[in-house]
Amino acid sequence: MHFDLTDLRLFLHILDTGNITAGAVRSHLSLAAASARIRAMEASLGTEFFARGRRGVTPTPAGNALARHARVILQQAERMQQDLADYAQGVKGQVRLLCNTTAITEYLPELLADFLRSHANLNIDLQELPSARITHALREGAADLGIVSDAVDTSGLQTQPFRDDPLVLILPLDHPLSDAVAVSFSAALQHDFVGLSADSALAIYLEEQALHSGARMSVRIRVEGFDGVIRMVSRGAGLAIVPLAAVERAAPATFKSVALNEPWARRTLMMCARDFSALPPYAQALLHALSYPRVSEQIDVDPRQLNGDRAL
């Protein structure tokens, strides 16, 4: 068995994204190179790490076992790098932050930009995932912080509110449902939708809610970003479900928004971690910045702590 760190990072990227192609992109490898590495890893042990399906890949029992060891090995490698940072130029602390679609697109860009500007010695590894996969990754120690919908199970994690984030239904002005004050999801599913890209966290979440109701979403077209979705709805391409925050940034005279009669649509975004008090100093600095409106306030972090000396 000869696995290098690139193999292990690739394996975890595929596991986190549920897709070999997406895992290859995150690993900065071609699909052919990524596939060859995974095949070689499986051949070296004579077992498969992934079950392949039409919707992506899922780990086998052997894959789950490898994931536990891979995370420990890569964490140790990162700590080693941090411990040696005093002897190298440009080594920085890094926070891994996992978020759902709305947090990344509507709330975080300015907050994270201000934080990075005031903390030149920190980097942020930001990834979009469905809320349920974020909580799983946090429990496994695969990330420092997460921002998730309060609709998911956060048992075993510490949480605190981040933002109120209701979802609303948007429609063309002349749509038959546009006169309603509120609409049920089942009624909306009788019509065509404009959706986000199929791998976005919100798109996956809405498809799961549709299946729970015994139906499927009829998506005529998928686009990147809420702005594109809203513009297409305004031109009559279909309905869409988007965060209220995205509606408030748009030109409401070109479309109608109505409430959804679903408990899961009246959601709050929550920040979560295994233990806020046990976070390394640089992750606590980010937590503090996201917890308060004035993100320009900087926490003083001992450079030695950023370099891995957490006992100081």
C-alpha atoms as a PDB file:
ATOM      1  CA  MET A   1       0.000   0.000   0.000  1.00  0.00           C
ATOM      2  CA  HIS A   2       1.552   3.289  -1.134  1.00  0.00           C
ATOM      3  CA  PHE A   3      -0.730   6.298  -0.615  1.00  0.00           C
ATOM      4  CA  ASP A   4       0.696   9.813  -0.680  1.00  0.00           C
ATOM      5  CA  LEU A   5      -0.905  12.987   0.704  1.00  0.00           C
ATOM      6  CA  THR A   6      -2.242  13.902  -2.735  1.00  0.00           C
ATOM      7  CA  ASP A   7      -4.053  10.549  -2.875  1.00  0.00           C
ATOM      8  CA  LEU A   8      -5.595  11.109   0.538  1.00  0.00           C
ATOM      9  CA  ARG A   9      -6.657  14.691  -0.203  1.00  0.00           C
ATOM     10  CA  LEU A  10      -8.188  13.579  -3.494  1.00  0.00           C
ATOM     11  CA  PHE A  11     -10.043  10.765  -1.755  1.00  0.00           C
ATOM     12  CA  LEU A  12     -11.507  13.150   0.855  1.00  0.00           C
ATOM     13  CA  HIS A  13     -12.416  15.762  -1.772  1.00  0.00           C
ATOM     14  CA  ILE A  14     -14.347  13.103  -3.704  1.00  0.00           C
ATOM     15  CA  LEU A  15     -15.977  11.940  -0.476  1.00  0.00           C
ATOM     16  CA  ASP A  16     -16.954  15.505   0.497  1.00  0.00           C
ATOM     17  CA  THR A  17     -18.369  16.417  -2.921  1.00  0.00           C
ATOM     18  CA  GLY A  18     -19.893  13.011  -3.702  1.00  0.00           C
ATOM     19  CA  ASN A  19     -18.499  13.269  -7.209  1.00  0.00           C
ATOM     20  CA  ILE A  20     -15.185  12.216  -8.782  1.00  0.00           C
ATOM     21  CA  THR A  21     -15.182  15.104 -11.241  1.00  0.00           C
ATOM     22  CA  ALA A  22     -15.774  17.700  -8.516  1.00  0.00           C
ATOM     23  CA  GLY A  23     -13.174  16.032  -6.300  1.00  0.00           C
ATOM     24  CA  ALA A  24     -10.645  16.198  -9.134  1.00  0.00           C
ATOM     25  CA  VAL A  25     -11.331  19.919  -9.593  1.00  0.00           C
ATOM     26  CA  ARG A  26     -10.821  20.627  -5.893  1.00  0.00           C
ATOM     27  CA  SER A  27      -7.565  18.631  -6.044  1.00  0.00           C
ATOM     28  CA  HIS A  28      -6.399  20.520  -9.172  1.00  0.00           C
ATOM     29  CA  LEU A  29      -6.177  17.264 -11.115  1.00  0.00           C
ATOM     30  CA  SER A  30      -7.625  16.184 -14.425  1.00  0.00           C
ATOM     31  CA  LEU A  31     -10.479  13.698 -14.283  1.00  0.00           C
ATOM     32  CA  ALA A  32      -8.292  11.064 -15.927  1.00  0.00           C
ATOM     33  CA  ALA A  33      -5.495  11.562 -13.381  1.00  0.00           C
ATOM     34  CA  ALA A  34      -7.924  11.494 -10.460  1.00  0.00           C
ATOM     35  CA  SER A  35      -9.626   8.334 -11.696  1.00  0.00           C
ATOM     36  CA  ALA A  36      -6.259   6.641 -12.205  1.00  0.00           C
ATOM     37  CA  ARG A  37      -5.176   7.497  -8.653  1.00  0.00           C
ATOM     38  CA  ILE A  38      -8.388   6.125  -7.142  1.00  0.00           C
ATOM     39  CA  ARG A  39      -8.123   2.922  -9.208  1.00  0.00           C
ATOM     40  CA  ALA A  40      -4.511   2.460  -8.097  1.00  0.00           C
ATOM     41  CA  MET A  41      -5.488   2.972  -4.450  1.00  0.00           C
ATOM     42  CA  GLU A  42      -8.268   0.411  -4.720  1.00  0.00           C
ATOM     43  CA  ALA A  43      -6.058  -2.055  -6.603  1.00  0.00           C
ATOM     44  CA  SER A  44      -3.318  -1.817  -3.974  1.00  0.00           C
ATOM     45  CA  LEU A  45      -5.729  -3.139  -1.318  1.00  0.00           C
ATOM     46  CA  GLY A  46      -7.956  -5.217  -3.559  1.00  0.00           C
ATOM     47  CA  THR A  47     -11.119  -3.434  -2.418  1.00  0.00           C
ATOM     48  CA  GLU A  48     -13.323  -0.597  -3.619  1.00  0.00           C
ATOM     49  CA  PHE A  49     -13.586   2.628  -1.662  1.00  0.00           C
ATOM     50  CA  PHE A  50     -16.604   4.033  -3.529  1.00  0.00           C
ATOM     51  CA  ALA A  51     -19.902   2.683  -4.797  1.00  0.00           C
ATOM     52  CA  ARG A  52     -20.548   4.362  -8.157  1.00  0.00           C
ATOM     53  CA  GLY A  53     -24.066   5.488  -9.071  1.00  0.00           C
ATOM     54  CA  ARG A  54     -25.861   7.832 -11.420  1.00  0.00           C
ATOM     55  CA  ARG A  55     -25.973  10.598  -8.795  1.00  0.00           C
ATOM     56  CA  GLY A  56     -22.324  10.288  -7.856  1.00  0.00           C
ATOM     57  CA  VAL A  57     -20.345   8.122  -5.467  1.00  0.00           C
ATOM     58  CA  THR A  58     -20.864   6.973  -1.886  1.00  0.00           C
ATOM     59  CA  PRO A  59     -18.246   5.410   0.397  1.00  0.00           C
ATOM     60  CA  THR A  60     -18.112   1.678   0.985  1.00  0.00           C
ATOM     61  CA  PRO A  61     -17.292   0.386   4.491  1.00  0.00           C
ATOM     62  CA  ALA A  62     -13.640   0.310   3.419  1.00  0.00           C
ATOM     63  CA  GLY A  63     -13.995   3.888   2.189  1.00  0.00           C
ATOM     64  CA  ASN A  64     -15.384   5.027   5.529  1.00  0.00           C
ATOM     65  CA  ALA A  65     -12.469   3.372   7.313  1.00  0.00           C
ATOM     66  CA  LEU A  66      -9.975   5.046   4.983  1.00  0.00           C
ATOM     67  CA  ALA A  67     -11.684   8.416   5.521  1.00  0.00           C
ATOM     68  CA  ARG A  68     -11.150   8.231   9.290  1.00  0.00           C
ATOM     69  CA  HIS A  69      -7.452   7.481   8.891  1.00  0.00           C
ATOM     70  CA  ALA A  70      -6.987   9.984   6.049  1.00  0.00           C
ATOM     71  CA  ARG A  71      -8.408  12.848   8.104  1.00  0.00           C
ATOM     72  CA  VAL A  72      -6.085  12.041  11.011  1.00  0.00           C
ATOM     73  CA  ILE A  73      -3.033  11.808   8.731  1.00  0.00           C
ATOM     74  CA  LEU A  74      -3.809  15.074   6.935  1.00  0.00           C
ATOM     75  CA  GLN A  75      -4.523  16.881  10.202  1.00  0.00           C
ATOM     76  CA  GLN A  76      -1.186  15.700  11.549  1.00  0.00           C
ATOM     77  CA  ALA A  77       0.532  16.848   8.359  1.00  0.00           C
ATOM     78  CA  GLU A  78      -1.087  20.278   8.695  1.00  0.00           C
ATOM     79  CA  ARG A  79      -0.036  20.549  12.333  1.00  0.00           C
ATOM     80  CA  MET A  80       3.500  19.608  11.358  1.00  0.00           C
ATOM     81  CA  GLN A  81       3.487  22.378   8.766  1.00  0.00           C
ATOM     82  CA  GLN A  82       2.203  24.833  11.362  1.00  0.00           C
ATOM     83  CA  ASP A  83       4.813  23.744  13.907  1.00  0.00           C
ATOM     84  CA  LEU A  84       7.517  24.418  11.318  1.00  0.00           C
ATOM     85  CA  ALA A  85       6.018  27.730  10.207  1.00  0.00           C
ATOM     86  CA  ASP A  86       8.494  29.723  12.279  1.00  0.00           C
ATOM     87  CA  TYR A  87      11.202  28.391   9.963  1.00  0.00           C
ATOM     88  CA  ALA A  88       9.433  29.164   6.710  1.00  0.00           C
ATOM     89  CA  GLN A  89       8.244  32.305   5.000  1.00  0.00           C
ATOM     90  CA  GLY A  90       4.585  32.802   4.181  1.00  0.00           C
ATOM     91  CA  VAL A  91       3.050  29.881   6.103  1.00  0.00           C
ATOM     92  CA  LYS A  92      -0.358  31.048   7.352  1.00  0.00           C
ATOM     93  CA  GLY A  93      -3.083  29.829   9.614  1.00  0.00           C
ATOM     94  CA  GLN A  94      -6.114  28.407   7.811  1.00  0.00           C
ATOM     95  CA  VAL A  95      -9.746  28.032   8.830  1.00  0.00           C
ATOM     96  CA  ARG A  96     -11.965  25.521   7.046  1.00  0.00           C
ATOM     97  CA  LEU A  97     -15.496  26.932   6.822  1.00  0.00           C
ATOM     98  CA  LEU A  98     -18.394  24.909   5.349  1.00  0.00           C
ATOM     99  CA  CYS A  99     -21.603  26.735   4.392  1.00  0.00           C
ATOM    100  CA  ASN A 100     -24.886  26.243   2.605  1.00  0.00           C
ATOM    101  CA  THR A 101     -25.755  28.145  -0.583  1.00  0.00           C
ATOM    102  CA  THR A 102     -27.446  31.147   0.996  1.00  0.00           C
ATOM    103  CA  ALA A 103     -24.702  31.823   3.515  1.00  0.00           C
ATOM    104  CA  ILE A 104     -22.035  31.841   0.805  1.00  0.00           C
ATOM    105  CA  THR A 105     -23.910  33.972  -1.721  1.00  0.00           C
ATOM    106  CA  GLU A 106     -25.944  36.369   0.421  1.00  0.00           C
ATOM    107  CA  TYR A 107     -24.193  36.968   3.727  1.00  0.00           C
ATOM    108  CA  LEU A 108     -20.534  36.008   3.691  1.00  0.00           C
ATOM    109  CA  PRO A 109     -18.730  37.762   0.799  1.00  0.00           C
ATOM    110  CA  GLU A 110     -18.418  41.162   2.531  1.00  0.00           C
ATOM    111  CA  LEU A 111     -17.942  39.661   5.999  1.00  0.00           C
ATOM    112  CA  LEU A 112     -15.146  37.368   4.887  1.00  0.00           C
ATOM    113  CA  ALA A 113     -13.497  40.054   2.752  1.00  0.00           C
ATOM    114  CA  ASP A 114     -13.369  42.417   5.756  1.00  0.00           C
ATOM    115  CA  PHE A 115     -12.025  39.632   7.948  1.00  0.00           C
ATOM    116  CA  LEU A 116      -9.272  38.698   5.474  1.00  0.00           C
ATOM    117  CA  ARG A 117      -8.288  42.331   5.041  1.00  0.00           C
ATOM    118  CA  SER A 118      -7.785  42.728   8.787  1.00  0.00           C
ATOM    119  CA  HIS A 119      -6.099  39.323   9.284  1.00  0.00           C
ATOM    120  CA  ALA A 120      -3.300  39.164   6.740  1.00  0.00           C
ATOM    121  CA  ASN A 121      -1.848  36.005   8.299  1.00  0.00           C
ATOM    122  CA  LEU A 122      -4.984  33.902   7.792  1.00  0.00           C
ATOM    123  CA  ASN A 123      -6.535  32.013   4.884  1.00  0.00           C
ATOM    124  CA  ILE A 124     -10.047  30.578   4.659  1.00  0.00           C
ATOM    125  CA  ASP A 125     -10.891  27.282   2.958  1.00  0.00           C
ATOM    126  CA  LEU A 126     -14.536  27.941   2.038  1.00  0.00           C
ATOM    127  CA  GLN A 127     -16.743  25.184   0.622  1.00  0.00           C
ATOM    128  CA  GLU A 128     -20.451  24.961  -0.167  1.00  0.00           C
ATOM    129  CA  LEU A 129     -22.242  21.803   0.994  1.00  0.00           C
ATOM    130  CA  PRO A 130     -25.785  20.813   1.977  1.00  0.00           C
ATOM    131  CA  SER A 131     -26.428  21.436   5.675  1.00  0.00           C
ATOM    132  CA  ALA A 132     -26.684  17.740   6.577  1.00  0.00           C
ATOM    133  CA  ARG A 133     -23.266  17.017   5.068  1.00  0.00           C
ATOM    134  CA  ILE A 134     -21.795  20.007   6.900  1.00  0.00           C
ATOM    135  CA  THR A 135     -22.894  18.703  10.295  1.00  0.00           C
ATOM    136  CA  HIS A 136     -21.495  15.266   9.423  1.00  0.00           C
ATOM    137  CA  ALA A 137     -18.146  16.795   8.425  1.00  0.00           C
ATOM    138  CA  LEU A 138     -17.978  18.787  11.673  1.00  0.00           C
ATOM    139  CA  ARG A 139     -18.673  15.698  13.776  1.00  0.00           C
ATOM    140  CA  GLU A 140     -15.887  13.893  11.880  1.00  0.00           C
ATOM    141  CA  GLY A 141     -13.451  16.758  12.565  1.00  0.00           C
ATOM    142  CA  ALA A 142     -13.174  17.605   8.874  1.00  0.00           C
ATOM    143  CA  ALA A 143     -13.821  21.346   9.349  1.00  0.00           C
ATOM    144  CA  ASP A 144     -13.530  24.061  11.976  1.00  0.00           C
ATOM    145  CA  LEU A 145     -16.829  25.906  11.520  1.00  0.00           C
ATOM    146  CA  GLY A 146     -20.072  25.442   9.631  1.00  0.00           C
ATOM    147  CA  ILE A 147     -23.135  27.516   8.792  1.00  0.00           C
ATOM    148  CA  VAL A 148     -26.257  25.406   8.356  1.00  0.00           C
ATOM    149  CA  SER A 149     -30.037  25.606   8.295  1.00  0.00           C
ATOM    150  CA  ASP A 150     -31.722  24.992  11.631  1.00  0.00           C
ATOM    151  CA  ALA A 151     -33.802  22.308   9.895  1.00  0.00           C
ATOM    152  CA  VAL A 152     -30.972  19.776  10.212  1.00  0.00           C
ATOM    153  CA  ASP A 153     -29.956  17.696  13.214  1.00  0.00           C
ATOM    154  CA  THR A 154     -27.097  19.413  15.062  1.00  0.00           C
ATOM    155  CA  SER A 155     -26.896  16.967  17.985  1.00  0.00           C
ATOM    156  CA  GLY A 156     -23.353  16.624  19.250  1.00  0.00           C
ATOM    157  CA  LEU A 157     -22.447  20.122  18.035  1.00  0.00           C
ATOM    158  CA  GLN A 158     -22.495  23.558  19.629  1.00  0.00           C
ATOM    159  CA  THR A 159     -24.576  26.158  17.777  1.00  0.00           C
ATOM    160  CA  GLN A 160     -25.410  29.835  17.809  1.00  0.00           C
ATOM    161  CA  PRO A 161     -27.703  31.885  15.505  1.00  0.00           C
ATOM    162  CA  PHE A 162     -26.151  33.544  12.462  1.00  0.00           C
ATOM    163  CA  ARG A 163     -29.030  35.055  10.422  1.00  0.00           C
ATOM    164  CA  ASP A 164     -32.767  34.636   9.911  1.00  0.00           C
ATOM    165  CA  ASP A 165     -33.045  33.203   6.399  1.00  0.00           C
ATOM    166  CA  PRO A 166     -36.613  32.506   5.223  1.00  0.00           C
ATOM    167  CA  LEU A 167     -37.158  31.001   1.776  1.00  0.00           C
ATOM    168  CA  VAL A 168     -39.845  32.499  -0.481  1.00  0.00           C
ATOM    169  CA  LEU A 169     -41.479  31.560  -3.757  1.00  0.00           C
ATOM    170  CA  ILE A 170     -40.956  33.992  -6.636  1.00  0.00           C
ATOM    171  CA  LEU A 171     -43.201  34.116  -9.722  1.00  0.00           C
ATOM    172  CA  PRO A 172     -43.711  36.140 -12.903  1.00  0.00           C
ATOM    173  CA  LEU A 173     -46.165  38.993 -12.376  1.00  0.00           C
ATOM    174  CA  ASP A 174     -48.788  37.353 -14.615  1.00  0.00           C
ATOM    175  CA  HIS A 175     -48.535  33.857 -13.092  1.00  0.00           C
ATOM    176  CA  PRO A 176     -51.796  32.224 -11.864  1.00  0.00           C
ATOM    177  CA  LEU A 177     -50.376  31.981  -8.320  1.00  0.00           C
ATOM    178  CA  SER A 178     -49.180  35.589  -8.163  1.00  0.00           C
ATOM    179  CA  ASP A 179     -52.311  36.838  -6.343  1.00  0.00           C
ATOM    180  CA  ALA A 180     -51.832  34.452  -3.428  1.00  0.00           C
ATOM    181  CA  VAL A 181     -50.556  35.660  -0.067  1.00  0.00           C
ATOM    182  CA  ALA A 182     -48.908  32.294   0.628  1.00  0.00           C
ATOM    183  CA  VAL A 183     -48.505  29.100  -1.390  1.00  0.00           C
ATOM    184  CA  SER A 184     -47.882  25.498  -0.360  1.00  0.00           C
ATOM    185  CA  PHE A 185     -44.889  23.719  -1.808  1.00  0.00           C
ATOM    186  CA  SER A 186     -47.150  21.006  -3.216  1.00  0.00           C
ATOM    187  CA  ALA A 187     -49.138  23.632  -5.143  1.00  0.00           C
ATOM    188  CA  ALA A 188     -45.968  25.204  -6.477  1.00  0.00           C
ATOM    189  CA  LEU A 189     -44.719  21.792  -7.639  1.00  0.00           C
ATOM    190  CA  GLN A 190     -47.543  21.695 -10.159  1.00  0.00           C
ATOM    191  CA  HIS A 191     -45.618  24.304 -12.177  1.00  0.00           C
ATOM    192  CA  ASP A 192     -42.224  24.532 -13.871  1.00  0.00           C
ATOM    193  CA  PHE A 193     -39.206  25.870 -12.016  1.00  0.00           C
ATOM    194  CA  VAL A 194     -35.990  27.746 -12.691  1.00  0.00           C
ATOM    195  CA  GLY A 195     -33.329  26.129 -10.499  1.00  0.00           C
ATOM    196  CA  LEU A 196     -29.805  26.613  -9.289  1.00  0.00           C
ATOM    197  CA  SER A 197     -27.073  24.295 -10.542  1.00  0.00           C
ATOM    198  CA  ALA A 198     -27.778  20.682  -9.582  1.00  0.00           C
ATOM    199  CA  ASP A 199     -24.783  20.473  -7.222  1.00  0.00           C
ATOM    200  CA  SER A 200     -25.691  23.586  -5.203  1.00  0.00           C
ATOM    201  CA  ALA A 201     -26.667  22.952  -1.597  1.00  0.00           C
ATOM    202  CA  LEU A 202     -30.055  24.678  -1.932  1.00  0.00           C
ATOM    203  CA  ALA A 203     -30.958  22.780  -5.119  1.00  0.00           C
ATOM    204  CA  ILE A 204     -30.226  19.470  -3.392  1.00  0.00           C
ATOM    205  CA  TYR A 205     -32.234  20.539  -0.338  1.00  0.00           C
ATOM    206  CA  LEU A 206     -35.296  21.537  -2.401  1.00  0.00           C
ATOM    207  CA  GLU A 207     -35.216  18.304  -4.388  1.00  0.00           C
ATOM    208  CA  GLU A 208     -35.153  16.372  -1.110  1.00  0.00           C
ATOM    209  CA  GLN A 209     -38.172  18.330   0.163  1.00  0.00           C
ATOM    210  CA  ALA A 210     -40.024  17.599  -3.080  1.00  0.00           C
ATOM    211  CA  LEU A 211     -39.334  13.869  -2.733  1.00  0.00           C
ATOM    212  CA  HIS A 212     -40.536  13.957   0.877  1.00  0.00           C
ATOM    213  CA  SER A 213     -43.817  15.401  -0.398  1.00  0.00           C
ATOM    214  CA  GLY A 214     -44.123  12.590  -2.941  1.00  0.00           C
ATOM    215  CA  ALA A 215     -43.372  14.684  -6.027  1.00  0.00           C
ATOM    216  CA  ARG A 216     -40.483  15.894  -8.143  1.00  0.00           C
ATOM    217  CA  MET A 217     -39.496  19.384  -9.199  1.00  0.00           C
ATOM    218  CA  SER A 218     -39.919  20.086 -12.906  1.00  0.00           C
ATOM    219  CA  VAL A 219     -36.838  22.208 -13.569  1.00  0.00           C
ATOM    220  CA  ARG A 220     -36.788  23.705 -17.066  1.00  0.00           C
ATOM    221  CA  ILE A 221     -33.341  25.274 -16.718  1.00  0.00           C
ATOM    222  CA  ARG A 222     -30.582  25.574 -14.140  1.00  0.00           C
ATOM    223  CA  VAL A 223     -28.424  28.666 -13.763  1.00  0.00           C
ATOM    224  CA  GLU A 224     -25.614  29.851 -11.519  1.00  0.00           C
ATOM    225  CA  GLY A 225     -26.545  32.257  -8.752  1.00  0.00           C
ATOM    226  CA  PHE A 226     -29.708  33.819  -7.398  1.00  0.00           C
ATOM    227  CA  ASP A 227     -29.426  36.886  -9.621  1.00  0.00           C
ATOM    228  CA  GLY A 228     -29.682  34.738 -12.759  1.00  0.00           C
ATOM    229  CA  VAL A 229     -32.599  32.778 -11.286  1.00  0.00           C
ATOM    230  CA  ILE A 230     -34.521  35.955 -10.435  1.00  0.00           C
ATOM    231  CA  ARG A 231     -33.916  37.515 -13.843  1.00  0.00           C
ATOM    232  CA  MET A 232     -35.226  34.398 -15.607  1.00  0.00           C
ATOM    233  CA  VAL A 233     -38.312  34.235 -13.395  1.00  0.00           C
ATOM    234  CA  SER A 234     -38.950  37.917 -14.159  1.00  0.00           C
ATOM    235  CA  ARG A 235     -39.010  37.050 -17.862  1.00  0.00           C
ATOM    236  CA  GLY A 236     -41.536  34.261 -17.357  1.00  0.00           C
ATOM    237  CA  ALA A 237     -39.319  31.152 -17.486  1.00  0.00           C
ATOM    238  CA  GLY A 238     -40.879  29.563 -14.393  1.00  0.00           C
ATOM    239  CA  LEU A 239     -41.087  29.721 -10.613  1.00  0.00           C
ATOM    240  CA  ALA A 240     -38.190  29.594  -8.154  1.00  0.00           C
ATOM    241  CA  ILE A 241     -37.526  29.322  -4.439  1.00  0.00           C
ATOM    242  CA  VAL A 242     -34.866  31.707  -3.175  1.00  0.00           C
ATOM    243  CA  PRO A 243     -33.847  33.316   0.124  1.00  0.00           C
ATOM    244  CA  LEU A 244     -35.683  36.501   1.082  1.00  0.00           C
ATOM    245  CA  ALA A 245     -32.277  38.208   1.272  1.00  0.00           C
ATOM    246  CA  ALA A 246     -31.793  37.662  -2.474  1.00  0.00           C
ATOM    247  CA  VAL A 247     -35.255  39.113  -3.195  1.00  0.00           C
ATOM    248  CA  GLU A 248     -34.486  42.220  -1.158  1.00  0.00           C
ATOM    249  CA  ARG A 249     -31.412  42.912  -3.322  1.00  0.00           C
ATOM    250  CA  ALA A 250     -33.369  42.617  -6.579  1.00  0.00           C
ATOM    251  CA  ALA A 251     -35.862  44.846  -8.425  1.00  0.00           C
ATOM    252  CA  PRO A 252     -39.204  43.554  -7.058  1.00  0.00           C
ATOM    253  CA  ALA A 253     -41.313  45.424  -9.643  1.00  0.00           C
ATOM    254  CA  THR A 254     -40.363  42.761 -12.201  1.00  0.00           C
ATOM    255  CA  PHE A 255     -41.628  39.711 -10.262  1.00  0.00           C
ATOM    256  CA  LYS A 256     -43.806  38.698  -7.316  1.00  0.00           C
ATOM    257  CA  SER A 257     -42.671  36.987  -4.138  1.00  0.00           C
ATOM    258  CA  VAL A 258     -45.006  35.078  -1.804  1.00  0.00           C
ATOM    259  CA  ALA A 259     -44.508  33.154   1.420  1.00  0.00           C
ATOM    260  CA  LEU A 260     -44.221  29.373   1.468  1.00  0.00           C
ATOM    261  CA  ASN A 261     -46.566  27.510   3.818  1.00  0.00           C
ATOM    262  CA  GLU A 262     -43.831  25.116   4.932  1.00  0.00           C
ATOM    263  CA  PRO A 263     -42.076  24.988   8.321  1.00  0.00           C
ATOM    264  CA  TRP A 264     -38.753  24.256   6.610  1.00  0.00           C
ATOM    265  CA  ALA A 265     -39.014  27.552   4.670  1.00  0.00           C
ATOM    266  CA  ARG A 266     -39.050  29.623   7.888  1.00  0.00           C
ATOM    267  CA  ARG A 267     -35.482  28.827   8.707  1.00  0.00           C
ATOM    268  CA  THR A 268     -32.605  30.334  10.644  1.00  0.00           C
ATOM    269  CA  LEU A 269     -28.965  29.898   9.718  1.00  0.00           C
ATOM    270  CA  MET A 270     -26.832  28.596  12.571  1.00  0.00           C
ATOM    271  CA  MET A 271     -23.086  28.658  13.124  1.00  0.00           C
ATOM    272  CA  CYS A 272     -21.848  25.398  14.549  1.00  0.00           C
ATOM    273  CA  ALA A 273     -18.710  23.576  15.665  1.00  0.00           C
ATOM    274  CA  ARG A 274     -17.861  20.576  17.777  1.00  0.00           C
ATOM    275  CA  ASP A 275     -16.758  22.903  20.595  1.00  0.00           C
ATOM    276  CA  PHE A 276     -16.455  26.672  20.143  1.00  0.00           C
ATOM    277  CA  SER A 277     -14.110  26.975  23.117  1.00  0.00           C
ATOM    278  CA  ALA A 278     -11.761  24.304  21.715  1.00  0.00           C
ATOM    279  CA  LEU A 279     -11.300  26.028  18.337  1.00  0.00           C
ATOM    280  CA  PRO A 280      -7.767  27.171  17.523  1.00  0.00           C
ATOM    281  CA  PRO A 281      -7.248  30.933  17.966  1.00  0.00           C
ATOM    282  CA  TYR A 282      -7.550  31.779  14.272  1.00  0.00           C
ATOM    283  CA  ALA A 283     -10.891  29.929  14.009  1.00  0.00           C
ATOM    284  CA  GLN A 284     -12.113  31.713  17.154  1.00  0.00           C
ATOM    285  CA  ALA A 285     -11.162  35.013  15.519  1.00  0.00           C
ATOM    286  CA  LEU A 286     -13.369  34.163  12.519  1.00  0.00           C
ATOM    287  CA  LEU A 287     -16.201  33.017  14.806  1.00  0.00           C
ATOM    288  CA  HIS A 288     -16.038  36.360  16.623  1.00  0.00           C
ATOM    289  CA  ALA A 289     -16.080  38.282  13.339  1.00  0.00           C
ATOM    290  CA  LEU A 290     -19.147  36.415  12.097  1.00  0.00           C
ATOM    291  CA  SER A 291     -20.942  36.778  15.435  1.00  0.00           C
ATOM    292  CA  TYR A 292     -21.108  40.559  15.465  1.00  0.00           C
ATOM    293  CA  PRO A 293     -22.126  43.274  12.973  1.00  0.00           C
ATOM    294  CA  ARG A 294     -18.832  45.145  13.258  1.00  0.00           C
ATOM    295  CA  VAL A 295     -16.506  42.689  11.569  1.00  0.00           C
ATOM    296  CA  SER A 296     -13.730  45.282  11.374  1.00  0.00           C
ATOM    297  CA  GLU A 297     -13.043  44.664  15.078  1.00  0.00           C
ATOM    298  CA  GLN A 298      -9.999  42.412  15.111  1.00  0.00           C
ATOM    299  CA  ILE A 299      -9.109  39.892  17.754  1.00  0.00           C
ATOM    300  CA  ASP A 300      -5.444  39.973  18.643  1.00  0.00           C
ATOM    301  CA  VAL A 301      -4.038  36.545  17.939  1.00  0.00           C
ATOM    302  CA  ASP A 302      -0.571  35.568  19.092  1.00  0.00           C
ATOM    303  CA  PRO A 303       1.461  34.804  15.908  1.00  0.00           C
ATOM    304  CA  ARG A 304       2.972  31.821  17.693  1.00  0.00           C
ATOM    305  CA  GLN A 305      -0.531  30.375  18.092  1.00  0.00           C
ATOM    306  CA  LEU A 306      -1.209  30.862  14.395  1.00  0.00           C
ATOM    307  CA  ASN A 307       1.925  28.898  13.718  1.00  0.00           C
ATOM    308  CA  GLY A 308       0.586  25.930  15.612  1.00  0.00           C
ATOM    309  CA  ASP A 309       1.811  26.518  19.185  1.00  0.00           C
ATOM    310  CA  ARG A 310      -1.634  26.195  20.731  1.00  0.00           C
ATOM    311  CA  ALA A 311      -0.379  25.692  24.282  1.00  0.00           C
ATOM    312  CA  LEU A 312       0.667  29.343  24.554  1.00  0.00           C
END
